[in-house]
Structures are given as C-alpha cells and as structure tokens.
Amino acid sequence: MLLFVGAFFAAVCGIYWYLSNETSGTMMLLGTCLLGALPGGYYYWWSRRMRPRPEDDPEAAPADGAGVVGAFPGSSIWPFVLGISAASIGLSLVFGLWSAVFGFVLATAAVIGVIRESRRGGLV
C-alpha cells in the first residue's frame, strides 16, 4: 500500500510540475511521494529477507508456532524522556535558542540512561 501511495504521488508530482511549472507545490508532492516510497521500500526490502512464519502457512498446525516467540525489552522511561527532549529542542526554535540548553541536557541524560540500561543486560 505504501509503495502504491509513493507511485501515485510520483505520478501526480510529474503531472503537476508539467502543467504548472511551479516549484514549491512540486517539492511538497515529491515529499509526499517519499513519505510513501521510503517506508514502503524498506518494508518490501525486509519482507524479501524474512523467512516465512508458521502463521503465514495455511496448512500449519498450532504446534508449529509453539516455542519462544521472541525477546522483548523491559519497560523504560528513557524513550519518553528522549521524546520530551526532542520536543523541547524543537520548541526552542520558536521561543529562542537559549531554551535549547534544557533540551540538550535532557537528551544527554536520556542517552546516558539508555546506555546504562542496555549494558545491564537482562532479558533482552
């Protein structure tokens, strides 16, 4: 679906540029095309490299899916803190670059927290 969105907006972008010869609308449509094509291409690339899962086989039995499902990381506050720091840095462009100091301090703390948590090990 994402590749279709990218192809559709690529065609619309070409038609728009040809008919209007206007750059700003063309660039926005090109960005929209990339918003569909980049994740769609990534998903397509990974889908070709993944081996089939038992739930994808219509002839599979319930026993085929038994066993370890996967390893999942424990809950952590640091991704939330990193998101808040990114928002703070973004808002500093509106309210003044002096307020970016708080965002960078928070981002540094979040990165250090993620590194310390990942070195601990655990069930990951």
PDB file of N, CA and C in Angstrom:
ATOM      1  N   MET A   1       0.815  -1.173   0.000  1.00  0.00           N
ATOM      2  CA  MET A   1       0.000   0.000   0.000  1.00  0.00           C
ATOM      3  C   MET A   1       0.875   1.260   0.000  1.00  0.00           C
ATOM      4  N   LEU A   2       1.945   1.253   0.799  1.00  0.00           N
ATOM      5  CA  LEU A   2       2.809   2.425   0.845  1.00  0.00           C
ATOM      6  C   LEU A   2       3.529   2.653  -0.479  1.00  0.00           C
ATOM      7  N   LEU A   3       3.917   1.574  -1.143  1.00  0.00           N
ATOM      8  CA  LEU A   3       4.548   1.730  -2.454  1.00  0.00           C
ATOM      9  C   LEU A   3       3.544   2.278  -3.469  1.00  0.00           C
ATOM     10  N   PHE A   4       2.285   1.891  -3.350  1.00  0.00           N
ATOM     11  CA  PHE A   4       1.255   2.441  -4.226  1.00  0.00           C
ATOM     12  C   PHE A   4       1.084   3.940  -3.964  1.00  0.00           C
ATOM     13  N   VAL A   5       1.085   4.342  -2.698  1.00  0.00           N
ATOM     14  CA  VAL A   5       0.977   5.761  -2.357  1.00  0.00           C
ATOM     15  C   VAL A   5       2.150   6.534  -2.956  1.00  0.00           C
ATOM     16  N   GLY A   6       3.354   5.981  -2.833  1.00  0.00           N
ATOM     17  CA  GLY A   6       4.523   6.637  -3.398  1.00  0.00           C
ATOM     18  C   GLY A   6       4.449   6.749  -4.909  1.00  0.00           C
ATOM     19  N   ALA A   7       4.011   5.686  -5.583  1.00  0.00           N
ATOM     20  CA  ALA A   7       3.894   5.721  -7.044  1.00  0.00           C
ATOM     21  C   ALA A   7       2.797   6.692  -7.482  1.00  0.00           C
ATOM     22  N   PHE A   8       1.688   6.712  -6.754  1.00  0.00           N
ATOM     23  CA  PHE A   8       0.603   7.613  -7.102  1.00  0.00           C
ATOM     24  C   PHE A   8       1.043   9.071  -7.003  1.00  0.00           C
ATOM     25  N   PHE A   9       1.676   9.428  -5.896  1.00  0.00           N
ATOM     26  CA  PHE A   9       2.094  10.812  -5.735  1.00  0.00           C
ATOM     27  C   PHE A   9       3.275  11.165  -6.635  1.00  0.00           C
ATOM     28  N   ALA A  10       4.074  10.190  -7.042  1.00  0.00           N
ATOM     29  CA  ALA A  10       5.116  10.468  -8.029  1.00  0.00           C
ATOM     30  C   ALA A  10       4.481  10.846  -9.362  1.00  0.00           C
ATOM     31  N   ALA A  11       3.431  10.129  -9.753  1.00  0.00           N
ATOM     32  CA  ALA A  11       2.732  10.458 -10.993  1.00  0.00           C
ATOM     33  C   ALA A  11       2.047  11.824 -10.883  1.00  0.00           C
ATOM     34  N   VAL A  12       1.385  12.084  -9.753  1.00  0.00           N
ATOM     35  CA  VAL A  12       0.734  13.375  -9.554  1.00  0.00           C
ATOM     36  C   VAL A  12       1.774  14.497  -9.555  1.00  0.00           C
ATOM     37  N   CYS A  13       2.932  14.248  -8.957  1.00  0.00           N
ATOM     38  CA  CYS A  13       4.000  15.247  -8.913  1.00  0.00           C
ATOM     39  C   CYS A  13       4.488  15.572 -10.325  1.00  0.00           C
ATOM     40  N   GLY A  14       4.679  14.540 -11.146  1.00  0.00           N
ATOM     41  CA  GLY A  14       5.115  14.771 -12.522  1.00  0.00           C
ATOM     42  C   GLY A  14       4.096  15.544 -13.337  1.00  0.00           C
ATOM     43  N   ILE A  15       2.842  15.179 -13.189  1.00  0.00           N
ATOM     44  CA  ILE A  15       1.782  15.878 -13.924  1.00  0.00           C
ATOM     45  C   ILE A  15       1.667  17.322 -13.443  1.00  0.00           C
ATOM     46  N   TYR A  16       1.717  17.515 -12.134  1.00  0.00           N
ATOM     47  CA  TYR A  16       1.607  18.864 -11.568  1.00  0.00           C
ATOM     48  C   TYR A  16       2.754  19.747 -12.043  1.00  0.00           C
ATOM     49  N   TRP A  17       3.976  19.210 -12.008  1.00  0.00           N
ATOM     50  CA  TRP A  17       5.125  20.002 -12.442  1.00  0.00           C
ATOM     51  C   TRP A  17       5.020  20.357 -13.925  1.00  0.00           C
ATOM     52  N   TYR A  18       4.584  19.395 -14.738  1.00  0.00           N
ATOM     53  CA  TYR A  18       4.471  19.638 -16.177  1.00  0.00           C
ATOM     54  C   TYR A  18       3.417  20.697 -16.485  1.00  0.00           C
ATOM     55  N   LEU A  19       2.279  20.620 -15.789  1.00  0.00           N
ATOM     56  CA  LEU A  19       1.189  21.548 -16.089  1.00  0.00           C
ATOM     57  C   LEU A  19       1.383  22.924 -15.450  1.00  0.00           C
ATOM     58  N   SER A  20       1.996  22.990 -14.270  1.00  0.00           N
ATOM     59  CA  SER A  20       2.078  24.276 -13.578  1.00  0.00           C
ATOM     60  C   SER A  20       3.461  24.909 -13.637  1.00  0.00           C
ATOM     61  N   ASN A  21       4.508  24.085 -13.772  1.00  0.00           N
ATOM     62  CA  ASN A  21       5.893  24.549 -13.761  1.00  0.00           C
ATOM     63  C   ASN A  21       6.166  25.397 -12.512  1.00  0.00           C
ATOM     64  N   GLU A  22       5.624  24.934 -11.379  1.00  0.00           N
ATOM     65  CA  GLU A  22       5.751  25.628 -10.109  1.00  0.00           C
ATOM     66  C   GLU A  22       6.564  24.750  -9.164  1.00  0.00           C
ATOM     67  N   THR A  23       7.534  25.333  -8.466  1.00  0.00           N
ATOM     68  CA  THR A  23       8.474  24.502  -7.718  1.00  0.00           C
ATOM     69  C   THR A  23       8.008  24.132  -6.316  1.00  0.00           C
ATOM     70  N   SER A  24       7.344  25.030  -5.603  1.00  0.00           N
ATOM     71  CA  SER A  24       7.016  24.717  -4.210  1.00  0.00           C
ATOM     72  C   SER A  24       5.987  23.591  -4.105  1.00  0.00           C
ATOM     73  N   GLY A  25       4.943  23.628  -4.906  1.00  0.00           N
ATOM     74  CA  GLY A  25       3.964  22.539  -4.894  1.00  0.00           C
ATOM     75  C   GLY A  25       4.564  21.232  -5.363  1.00  0.00           C
ATOM     76  N   THR A  26       5.473  21.325  -6.343  1.00  0.00           N
ATOM     77  CA  THR A  26       6.139  20.121  -6.842  1.00  0.00           C
ATOM     78  C   THR A  26       6.996  19.486  -5.752  1.00  0.00           C
ATOM     79  N   MET A  27       7.708  20.308  -4.981  1.00  0.00           N
ATOM     80  CA  MET A  27       8.540  19.778  -3.913  1.00  0.00           C
ATOM     81  C   MET A  27       7.694  19.156  -2.801  1.00  0.00           C
ATOM     82  N   MET A  28       6.549  19.758  -2.511  1.00  0.00           N
ATOM     83  CA  MET A  28       5.669  19.177  -1.494  1.00  0.00           C
ATOM     84  C   MET A  28       5.107  17.835  -1.958  1.00  0.00           C
ATOM     85  N   LEU A  29       4.741  17.748  -3.225  1.00  0.00           N
ATOM     86  CA  LEU A  29       4.256  16.471  -3.752  1.00  0.00           C
ATOM     87  C   LEU A  29       5.380  15.440  -3.812  1.00  0.00           C
ATOM     88  N   LEU A  30       6.596  15.881  -4.102  1.00  0.00           N
ATOM     89  CA  LEU A  30       7.731  14.966  -4.091  1.00  0.00           C
ATOM     90  C   LEU A  30       7.985  14.446  -2.674  1.00  0.00           C
ATOM     91  N   GLY A  31       7.858  15.334  -1.676  1.00  0.00           N
ATOM     92  CA  GLY A  31       7.991  14.892  -0.285  1.00  0.00           C
ATOM     93  C   GLY A  31       6.914  13.893   0.097  1.00  0.00           C
ATOM     94  N   THR A  32       5.696  14.116  -0.380  1.00  0.00           N
ATOM     95  CA  THR A  32       4.605  13.172  -0.118  1.00  0.00           C
ATOM     96  C   THR A  32       4.896  11.834  -0.783  1.00  0.00           C
ATOM     97  N   CYS A  33       5.448  11.884  -1.964  1.00  0.00           N
ATOM     98  CA  CYS A  33       5.840  10.651  -2.656  1.00  0.00           C
ATOM     99  C   CYS A  33       6.871   9.888  -1.831  1.00  0.00           C
ATOM    100  N   LEU A  34       7.851  10.600  -1.287  1.00  0.00           N
ATOM    101  CA  LEU A  34       8.880   9.942  -0.478  1.00  0.00           C
ATOM    102  C   LEU A  34       8.332   9.417   0.844  1.00  0.00           C
ATOM    103  N   LEU A  35       7.293  10.083   1.383  1.00  0.00           N
ATOM    104  CA  LEU A  35       6.676   9.592   2.618  1.00  0.00           C
ATOM    105  C   LEU A  35       6.022   8.232   2.425  1.00  0.00           C
ATOM    106  N   GLY A  36       5.619   7.920   1.211  1.00  0.00           N
ATOM    107  CA  GLY A  36       5.082   6.596   0.936  1.00  0.00           C
ATOM    108  C   GLY A  36       6.139   5.630   0.443  1.00  0.00           C
ATOM    109  N   ALA A  37       7.064   6.128  -0.393  1.00  0.00           N
ATOM    110  CA  ALA A  37       8.026   5.236  -1.044  1.00  0.00           C
ATOM    111  C   ALA A  37       9.127   4.758  -0.097  1.00  0.00           C
ATOM    112  N   LEU A  38       9.608   5.614   0.798  1.00  0.00           N
ATOM    113  CA  LEU A  38      10.710   5.205   1.665  1.00  0.00           C
ATOM    114  C   LEU A  38      10.313   4.108   2.658  1.00  0.00           C
ATOM    115  N   PRO A  39       9.245   4.278   3.452  1.00  0.00           N
ATOM    116  CA  PRO A  39       8.895   3.160   4.334  1.00  0.00           C
ATOM    117  C   PRO A  39       8.394   1.949   3.569  1.00  0.00           C
ATOM    118  N   GLY A  40       7.690   2.179   2.453  1.00  0.00           N
ATOM    119  CA  GLY A  40       7.226   1.048   1.655  1.00  0.00           C
ATOM    120  C   GLY A  40       8.376   0.250   1.077  1.00  0.00           C
ATOM    121  N   GLY A  41       9.402   0.942   0.599  1.00  0.00           N
ATOM    122  CA  GLY A  41      10.587   0.257   0.082  1.00  0.00           C
ATOM    123  C   GLY A  41      11.326  -0.496   1.173  1.00  0.00           C
ATOM    124  N   TYR A  42      11.393   0.097   2.359  1.00  0.00           N
ATOM    125  CA  TYR A  42      12.047  -0.567   3.484  1.00  0.00           C
ATOM    126  C   TYR A  42      11.300  -1.839   3.878  1.00  0.00           C
ATOM    127  N   TYR A  43       9.974  -1.742   3.986  1.00  0.00           N
ATOM    128  CA  TYR A  43       9.184  -2.929   4.332  1.00  0.00           C
ATOM    129  C   TYR A  43       9.298  -4.000   3.256  1.00  0.00           C
ATOM    130  N   TYR A  44       9.306  -3.596   1.997  1.00  0.00           N
ATOM    131  CA  TYR A  44       9.442  -4.560   0.905  1.00  0.00           C
ATOM    132  C   TYR A  44      10.811  -5.227   0.958  1.00  0.00           C
ATOM    133  N   TRP A  45      11.848  -4.447   1.216  1.00  0.00           N
ATOM    134  CA  TRP A  45      13.203  -4.982   1.283  1.00  0.00           C
ATOM    135  C   TRP A  45      13.318  -6.018   2.397  1.00  0.00           C
ATOM    136  N   TRP A  46      12.740  -5.722   3.587  1.00  0.00           N
ATOM    137  CA  TRP A  46      12.807  -6.669   4.683  1.00  0.00           C
ATOM    138  C   TRP A  46      11.896  -7.875   4.457  1.00  0.00           C
ATOM    139  N   SER A  47      10.777  -7.702   3.794  1.00  0.00           N
ATOM    140  CA  SER A  47       9.877  -8.836   3.580  1.00  0.00           C
ATOM    141  C   SER A  47      10.510  -9.876   2.667  1.00  0.00           C
ATOM    142  N   ARG A  48      11.413  -9.476   1.815  1.00  0.00           N
ATOM    143  CA  ARG A  48      12.107 -10.426   0.934  1.00  0.00           C
ATOM    144  C   ARG A  48      13.176 -11.203   1.685  1.00  0.00           C
ATOM    145  N   ARG A  49      13.645 -10.712   2.819  1.00  0.00           N
ATOM    146  CA  ARG A  49      14.722 -11.359   3.562  1.00  0.00           C
ATOM    147  C   ARG A  49      14.233 -12.166   4.759  1.00  0.00           C
ATOM    148  N   MET A  50      12.957 -12.040   5.105  1.00  0.00           N
ATOM    149  CA  MET A  50      12.423 -12.777   6.246  1.00  0.00           C
ATOM    150  C   MET A  50      11.991 -14.174   5.818  1.00  0.00           C
ATOM    151  N   ARG A  51      12.251 -15.136   6.667  1.00  0.00           N
ATOM    152  CA  ARG A  51      11.752 -16.478   6.384  1.00  0.00           C
ATOM    153  C   ARG A  51      10.276 -16.543   6.754  1.00  0.00           C
ATOM    154  N   PRO A  52       9.530 -17.419   6.128  1.00  0.00           N
ATOM    155  CA  PRO A  52       8.085 -17.490   6.414  1.00  0.00           C
ATOM    156  C   PRO A  52       7.819 -17.908   7.865  1.00  0.00           C
ATOM    157  N   ARG A  53       6.823 -17.309   8.453  1.00  0.00           N
ATOM    158  CA  ARG A  53       6.436 -17.631   9.821  1.00  0.00           C
ATOM    159  C   ARG A  53       5.366 -18.728   9.786  1.00  0.00           C
ATOM    160  N   PRO A  54       5.209 -19.478  10.866  1.00  0.00           N
ATOM    161  CA  PRO A  54       4.188 -20.526  10.885  1.00  0.00           C
ATOM    162  C   PRO A  54       2.782 -19.981  10.671  1.00  0.00           C
ATOM    163  N   GLU A  55       2.487 -18.779  11.156  1.00  0.00           N
ATOM    164  CA  GLU A  55       1.141 -18.239  10.997  1.00  0.00           C
ATOM    165  C   GLU A  55       0.854 -17.801   9.566  1.00  0.00           C
ATOM    166  N   ASP A  56       1.879 -17.730   8.723  1.00  0.00           N
ATOM    167  CA  ASP A  56       1.670 -17.395   7.317  1.00  0.00           C
ATOM    168  C   ASP A  56       1.319 -18.620   6.475  1.00  0.00           C
ATOM    169  N   ASP A  57       1.519 -19.804   7.024  1.00  0.00           N
ATOM    170  CA  ASP A  57       1.247 -21.039   6.290  1.00  0.00           C
ATOM    171  C   ASP A  57      -0.194 -21.481   6.541  1.00  0.00           C
ATOM    172  N   PRO A  58      -1.024 -21.583   5.497  1.00  0.00           N
ATOM    173  CA  PRO A  58      -2.419 -22.004   5.724  1.00  0.00           C
ATOM    174  C   PRO A  58      -2.536 -23.464   6.168  1.00  0.00           C
ATOM    175  N   GLU A  59      -1.523 -24.266   5.958  1.00  0.00           N
ATOM    176  CA  GLU A  59      -1.540 -25.680   6.342  1.00  0.00           C
ATOM    177  C   GLU A  59      -0.880 -25.929   7.694  1.00  0.00           C
ATOM    178  N   ALA A  60      -0.511 -24.893   8.421  1.00  0.00           N
ATOM    179  CA  ALA A  60       0.222 -25.052   9.674  1.00  0.00           C
ATOM    180  C   ALA A  60      -0.702 -25.538  10.789  1.00  0.00           C
ATOM    181  N   ALA A  61      -0.121 -26.300  11.685  1.00  0.00           N
ATOM    182  CA  ALA A  61      -0.815 -26.763  12.881  1.00  0.00           C
ATOM    183  C   ALA A  61      -0.453 -25.839  14.043  1.00  0.00           C
ATOM    184  N   PRO A  62      -1.265 -25.825  15.108  1.00  0.00           N
ATOM    185  CA  PRO A  62      -0.929 -24.971  16.258  1.00  0.00           C
ATOM    186  C   PRO A  62       0.427 -25.302  16.879  1.00  0.00           C
ATOM    187  N   ALA A  63       0.866 -26.539  16.776  1.00  0.00           N
ATOM    188  CA  ALA A  63       2.154 -26.923  17.354  1.00  0.00           C
ATOM    189  C   ALA A  63       3.326 -26.298  16.600  1.00  0.00           C
ATOM    190  N   ASP A  64       3.113 -25.898  15.338  1.00  0.00           N
ATOM    191  CA  ASP A  64       4.204 -25.288  14.567  1.00  0.00           C
ATOM    192  C   ASP A  64       4.604 -23.929  15.124  1.00  0.00           C
ATOM    193  N   GLY A  65       3.697 -23.261  15.788  1.00  0.00           N
ATOM    194  CA  GLY A  65       4.001 -21.955  16.349  1.00  0.00           C
ATOM    195  C   GLY A  65       4.438 -22.000  17.795  1.00  0.00           C
ATOM    196  N   ALA A  66       4.608 -23.181  18.367  1.00  0.00           N
ATOM    197  CA  ALA A  66       4.996 -23.310  19.770  1.00  0.00           C
ATOM    198  C   ALA A  66       6.472 -22.963  19.937  1.00  0.00           C
ATOM    199  N   GLY A  67       6.836 -22.575  21.135  1.00  0.00           N
ATOM    200  CA  GLY A  67       8.231 -22.261  21.423  1.00  0.00           C
ATOM    201  C   GLY A  67       8.394 -20.803  21.791  1.00  0.00           C
ATOM    202  N   VAL A  68       9.619 -20.360  21.732  1.00  0.00           N
ATOM    203  CA  VAL A  68       9.946 -18.988  22.093  1.00  0.00           C
ATOM    204  C   VAL A  68       9.431 -18.050  21.003  1.00  0.00           C
ATOM    205  N   VAL A  69       8.648 -17.087  21.390  1.00  0.00           N
ATOM    206  CA  VAL A  69       8.101 -16.136  20.432  1.00  0.00           C
ATOM    207  C   VAL A  69       9.146 -15.086  20.086  1.00  0.00           C
ATOM    208  N   GLY A  70       9.856 -14.605  21.054  1.00  0.00           N
ATOM    209  CA  GLY A  70      10.875 -13.592  20.831  1.00  0.00           C
ATOM    210  C   GLY A  70      11.271 -12.961  22.147  1.00  0.00           C
ATOM    211  N   ALA A  71      12.288 -12.152  22.098  1.00  0.00           N
ATOM    212  CA  ALA A  71      12.748 -11.451  23.275  1.00  0.00           C
ATOM    213  C   ALA A  71      12.273 -10.012  23.186  1.00  0.00           C
ATOM    214  N   PHE A  72      11.668  -9.550  24.238  1.00  0.00           N
ATOM    215  CA  PHE A  72      11.148  -8.191  24.267  1.00  0.00           C
ATOM    216  C   PHE A  72      11.833  -7.424  25.385  1.00  0.00           C
ATOM    217  N   PRO A  73      12.215  -6.172  25.135  1.00  0.00           N
ATOM    218  CA  PRO A  73      12.880  -5.398  26.174  1.00  0.00           C
ATOM    219  C   PRO A  73      11.915  -5.021  27.286  1.00  0.00           C
ATOM    220  N   GLY A  74      12.459  -4.797  28.443  1.00  0.00           N
ATOM    221  CA  GLY A  74      11.647  -4.361  29.567  1.00  0.00           C
ATOM    222  C   GLY A  74      11.198  -2.923  29.378  1.00  0.00           C
ATOM    223  N   SER A  75      10.274  -2.499  30.194  1.00  0.00           N
ATOM    224  CA  SER A  75       9.778  -1.126  30.076  1.00  0.00           C
ATOM    225  C   SER A  75      10.852  -0.147  30.562  1.00  0.00           C
ATOM    226  N   SER A  76      10.851   1.024  29.948  1.00  0.00           N
ATOM    227  CA  SER A  76      11.848   2.027  30.275  1.00  0.00           C
ATOM    228  C   SER A  76      11.244   3.413  30.116  1.00  0.00           C
ATOM    229  N   ILE A  77      11.712   4.340  30.911  1.00  0.00           N
ATOM    230  CA  ILE A  77      11.262   5.725  30.830  1.00  0.00           C
ATOM    231  C   ILE A  77      12.086   6.514  29.825  1.00  0.00           C
ATOM    232  N   TRP A  78      13.260   6.018  29.427  1.00  0.00           N
ATOM    233  CA  TRP A  78      14.194   6.820  28.636  1.00  0.00           C
ATOM    234  C   TRP A  78      13.715   7.155  27.232  1.00  0.00           C
ATOM    235  N   PRO A  79      12.986   6.313  26.518  1.00  0.00           N
ATOM    236  CA  PRO A  79      12.450   6.771  25.233  1.00  0.00           C
ATOM    237  C   PRO A  79      11.493   7.952  25.376  1.00  0.00           C
ATOM    238  N   PHE A  80      10.700   7.972  26.433  1.00  0.00           N
ATOM    239  CA  PHE A  80       9.807   9.100  26.688  1.00  0.00           C
ATOM    240  C   PHE A  80      10.608  10.366  26.982  1.00  0.00           C
ATOM    241  N   VAL A  81      11.647  10.241  27.787  1.00  0.00           N
ATOM    242  CA  VAL A  81      12.493  11.391  28.113  1.00  0.00           C
ATOM    243  C   VAL A  81      13.179  11.909  26.858  1.00  0.00           C
ATOM    244  N   LEU A  82      13.629  11.023  25.998  1.00  0.00           N
ATOM    245  CA  LEU A  82      14.267  11.438  24.752  1.00  0.00           C
ATOM    246  C   LEU A  82      13.268  12.152  23.847  1.00  0.00           C
ATOM    247  N   GLY A  83      12.032  11.697  23.826  1.00  0.00           N
ATOM    248  CA  GLY A  83      10.999  12.374  23.045  1.00  0.00           C
ATOM    249  C   GLY A  83      10.691  13.761  23.581  1.00  0.00           C
ATOM    250  N   ILE A  84      10.618  13.892  24.900  1.00  0.00           N
ATOM    251  CA  ILE A  84      10.388  15.196  25.511  1.00  0.00           C
ATOM    252  C   ILE A  84      11.549  16.138  25.200  1.00  0.00           C
ATOM    253  N   SER A  85      12.767  15.612  25.227  1.00  0.00           N
ATOM    254  CA  SER A  85      13.913  16.471  24.930  1.00  0.00           C
ATOM    255  C   SER A  85      13.914  16.904  23.464  1.00  0.00           C
ATOM    256  N   ALA A  86      13.509  16.016  22.551  1.00  0.00           N
ATOM    257  CA  ALA A  86      13.421  16.394  21.133  1.00  0.00           C
ATOM    258  C   ALA A  86      12.359  17.466  20.931  1.00  0.00           C
ATOM    259  N   ALA A  87      11.230  17.339  21.622  1.00  0.00           N
ATOM    260  CA  ALA A  87      10.190  18.361  21.532  1.00  0.00           C
ATOM    261  C   ALA A  87      10.685  19.684  22.111  1.00  0.00           C
ATOM    262  N   SER A  88      11.436  19.626  23.182  1.00  0.00           N
ATOM    263  CA  SER A  88      11.972  20.838  23.784  1.00  0.00           C
ATOM    264  C   SER A  88      12.966  21.525  22.860  1.00  0.00           C
ATOM    265  N   ILE A  89      13.799  20.746  22.192  1.00  0.00           N
ATOM    266  CA  ILE A  89      14.750  21.326  21.244  1.00  0.00           C
ATOM    267  C   ILE A  89      13.996  21.928  20.059  1.00  0.00           C
ATOM    268  N   GLY A  90      12.956  21.264  19.597  1.00  0.00           N
ATOM    269  CA  GLY A  90      12.151  21.812  18.507  1.00  0.00           C
ATOM    270  C   GLY A  90      11.453  23.101  18.906  1.00  0.00           C
ATOM    271  N   LEU A  91      10.934  23.154  20.120  1.00  0.00           N
ATOM    272  CA  LEU A  91      10.272  24.367  20.591  1.00  0.00           C
ATOM    273  C   LEU A  91      11.248  25.512  20.820  1.00  0.00           C
ATOM    274  N   SER A  92      12.521  25.187  20.998  1.00  0.00           N
ATOM    275  CA  SER A  92      13.500  26.254  21.180  1.00  0.00           C
ATOM    276  C   SER A  92      13.664  27.081  19.909  1.00  0.00           C
ATOM    277  N   LEU A  93      13.325  26.528  18.769  1.00  0.00           N
ATOM    278  CA  LEU A  93      13.358  27.301  17.537  1.00  0.00           C
ATOM    279  C   LEU A  93      12.273  28.373  17.529  1.00  0.00           C
ATOM    280  N   VAL A  94      11.205  28.146  18.292  1.00  0.00           N
ATOM    281  CA  VAL A  94      10.116  29.109  18.377  1.00  0.00           C
ATOM    282  C   VAL A  94      10.373  30.127  19.488  1.00  0.00           C
ATOM    283  N   PHE A  95      10.757  29.637  20.663  1.00  0.00           N
ATOM    284  CA  PHE A  95      10.858  30.500  21.841  1.00  0.00           C
ATOM    285  C   PHE A  95      12.244  31.083  22.063  1.00  0.00           C
ATOM    286  N   GLY A  96      13.226  30.648  21.327  1.00  0.00           N
ATOM    287  CA  GLY A  96      14.580  31.175  21.483  1.00  0.00           C
ATOM    288  C   GLY A  96      15.567  30.045  21.671  1.00  0.00           C
ATOM    289  N   LEU A  97      16.706  30.197  21.054  1.00  0.00           N
ATOM    290  CA  LEU A  97      17.703  29.130  21.106  1.00  0.00           C
ATOM    291  C   LEU A  97      18.287  28.934  22.506  1.00  0.00           C
ATOM    292  N   TRP A  98      18.143  29.920  23.379  1.00  0.00           N
ATOM    293  CA  TRP A  98      18.638  29.763  24.736  1.00  0.00           C
ATOM    294  C   TRP A  98      17.909  28.632  25.458  1.00  0.00           C
ATOM    295  N   SER A  99      16.652  28.357  25.081  1.00  0.00           N
ATOM    296  CA  SER A  99      15.900  27.290  25.752  1.00  0.00           C
ATOM    297  C   SER A  99      16.281  25.899  25.251  1.00  0.00           C
ATOM    298  N   ALA A 100      17.131  25.832  24.237  1.00  0.00           N
ATOM    299  CA  ALA A 100      17.598  24.528  23.756  1.00  0.00           C
ATOM    300  C   ALA A 100      18.551  23.871  24.742  1.00  0.00           C
ATOM    301  N   VAL A 101      19.122  24.662  25.637  1.00  0.00           N
ATOM    302  CA  VAL A 101      20.037  24.116  26.640  1.00  0.00           C
ATOM    303  C   VAL A 101      19.327  23.050  27.467  1.00  0.00           C
ATOM    304  N   PHE A 102      18.095  23.330  27.906  1.00  0.00           N
ATOM    305  CA  PHE A 102      17.316  22.360  28.676  1.00  0.00           C
ATOM    306  C   PHE A 102      17.097  21.082  27.861  1.00  0.00           C
ATOM    307  N   GLY A 103      16.781  21.224  26.584  1.00  0.00           N
ATOM    308  CA  GLY A 103      16.547  20.058  25.734  1.00  0.00           C
ATOM    309  C   GLY A 103      17.795  19.215  25.551  1.00  0.00           C
ATOM    310  N   PHE A 104      18.937  19.862  25.353  1.00  0.00           N
ATOM    311  CA  PHE A 104      20.178  19.111  25.172  1.00  0.00           C
ATOM    312  C   PHE A 104      20.623  18.427  26.457  1.00  0.00           C
ATOM    313  N   VAL A 105      20.406  19.071  27.593  1.00  0.00           N
ATOM    314  CA  VAL A 105      20.729  18.430  28.881  1.00  0.00           C
ATOM    315  C   VAL A 105      19.840  17.208  29.084  1.00  0.00           C
ATOM    316  N   LEU A 106      18.562  17.347  28.775  1.00  0.00           N
ATOM    317  CA  LEU A 106      17.623  16.234  28.907  1.00  0.00           C
ATOM    318  C   LEU A 106      17.963  15.111  27.930  1.00  0.00           C
ATOM    319  N   ALA A 107      18.342  15.460  26.697  1.00  0.00           N
ATOM    320  CA  ALA A 107      18.715  14.453  25.698  1.00  0.00           C
ATOM    321  C   ALA A 107      19.979  13.707  26.126  1.00  0.00           C
ATOM    322  N   THR A 108      20.930  14.423  26.678  1.00  0.00           N
ATOM    323  CA  THR A 108      22.149  13.779  27.167  1.00  0.00           C
ATOM    324  C   THR A 108      21.823  12.810  28.294  1.00  0.00           C
ATOM    325  N   ALA A 109      20.969  13.222  29.210  1.00  0.00           N
ATOM    326  CA  ALA A 109      20.570  12.334  30.308  1.00  0.00           C
ATOM    327  C   ALA A 109      19.847  11.103  29.777  1.00  0.00           C
ATOM    328  N   ALA A 110      19.005  11.273  28.763  1.00  0.00           N
ATOM    329  CA  ALA A 110      18.270  10.141  28.209  1.00  0.00           C
ATOM    330  C   ALA A 110      19.208   9.162  27.507  1.00  0.00           C
ATOM    331  N   VAL A 111      20.161   9.689  26.757  1.00  0.00           N
ATOM    332  CA  VAL A 111      21.111   8.809  26.066  1.00  0.00           C
ATOM    333  C   VAL A 111      21.959   8.041  27.079  1.00  0.00           C
ATOM    334  N   ILE A 112      22.418   8.713  28.119  1.00  0.00           N
ATOM    335  CA  ILE A 112      23.190   8.035  29.164  1.00  0.00           C
ATOM    336  C   ILE A 112      22.334   6.975  29.851  1.00  0.00           C
ATOM    337  N   GLY A 113      21.069   7.288  30.119  1.00  0.00           N
ATOM    338  CA  GLY A 113      20.170   6.311  30.741  1.00  0.00           C
ATOM    339  C   GLY A 113      19.945   5.091  29.868  1.00  0.00           C
ATOM    340  N   VAL A 114      19.775   5.296  28.565  1.00  0.00           N
ATOM    341  CA  VAL A 114      19.591   4.160  27.650  1.00  0.00           C
ATOM    342  C   VAL A 114      20.850   3.303  27.607  1.00  0.00           C
ATOM    343  N   ILE A 115      22.015   3.944  27.559  1.00  0.00           N
ATOM    344  CA  ILE A 115      23.279   3.191  27.515  1.00  0.00           C
ATOM    345  C   ILE A 115      23.476   2.393  28.794  1.00  0.00           C
ATOM    346  N   ARG A 116      23.198   3.007  29.945  1.00  0.00           N
ATOM    347  CA  ARG A 116      23.365   2.290  31.213  1.00  0.00           C
ATOM    348  C   ARG A 116      22.397   1.116  31.314  1.00  0.00           C
ATOM    349  N   GLU A 117      21.162   1.298  30.833  1.00  0.00           N
ATOM    350  CA  GLU A 117      20.185   0.204  30.877  1.00  0.00           C
ATOM    351  C   GLU A 117      20.567  -0.929  29.932  1.00  0.00           C
ATOM    352  N   SER A 118      21.097  -0.584  28.776  1.00  0.00           N
ATOM    353  CA  SER A 118      21.426  -1.628  27.795  1.00  0.00           C
ATOM    354  C   SER A 118      22.649  -2.421  28.219  1.00  0.00           C
ATOM    355  N   ARG A 119      23.526  -1.845  28.979  1.00  0.00           N
ATOM    356  CA  ARG A 119      24.719  -2.567  29.433  1.00  0.00           C
ATOM    357  C   ARG A 119      24.421  -3.502  30.595  1.00  0.00           C
ATOM    358  N   ARG A 120      23.289  -3.261  31.262  1.00  0.00           N
ATOM    359  CA  ARG A 120      22.900  -4.130  32.376  1.00  0.00           C
ATOM    360  C   ARG A 120      22.548  -5.525  31.927  1.00  0.00           C
ATOM    361  N   GLY A 121      22.083  -5.645  30.703  1.00  0.00           N
ATOM    362  CA  GLY A 121      21.664  -6.946  30.223  1.00  0.00           C
ATOM    363  C   GLY A 121      20.210  -7.190  30.555  1.00  0.00           C
ATOM    364  N   GLY A 122      19.935  -8.349  31.097  1.00  0.00           N
ATOM    365  CA  GLY A 122      18.554  -8.684  31.443  1.00  0.00           C
ATOM    366  C   GLY A 122      17.992  -9.670  30.446  1.00  0.00           C
ATOM    367  N   LEU A 123      16.702  -9.544  30.180  1.00  0.00           N
ATOM    368  CA  LEU A 123      16.040 -10.485  29.292  1.00  0.00           C
ATOM    369  C   LEU A 123      16.095 -10.081  27.829  1.00  0.00           C
ATOM    370  N   VAL A 124      16.788  -9.024  27.523  1.00  0.00           N
ATOM    371  CA  VAL A 124      16.811  -8.518  26.149  1.00  0.00           C
ATOM    372  C   VAL A 124      17.635  -9.411  25.271  1.00  0.00           C
TER     373      VAL A 124
END
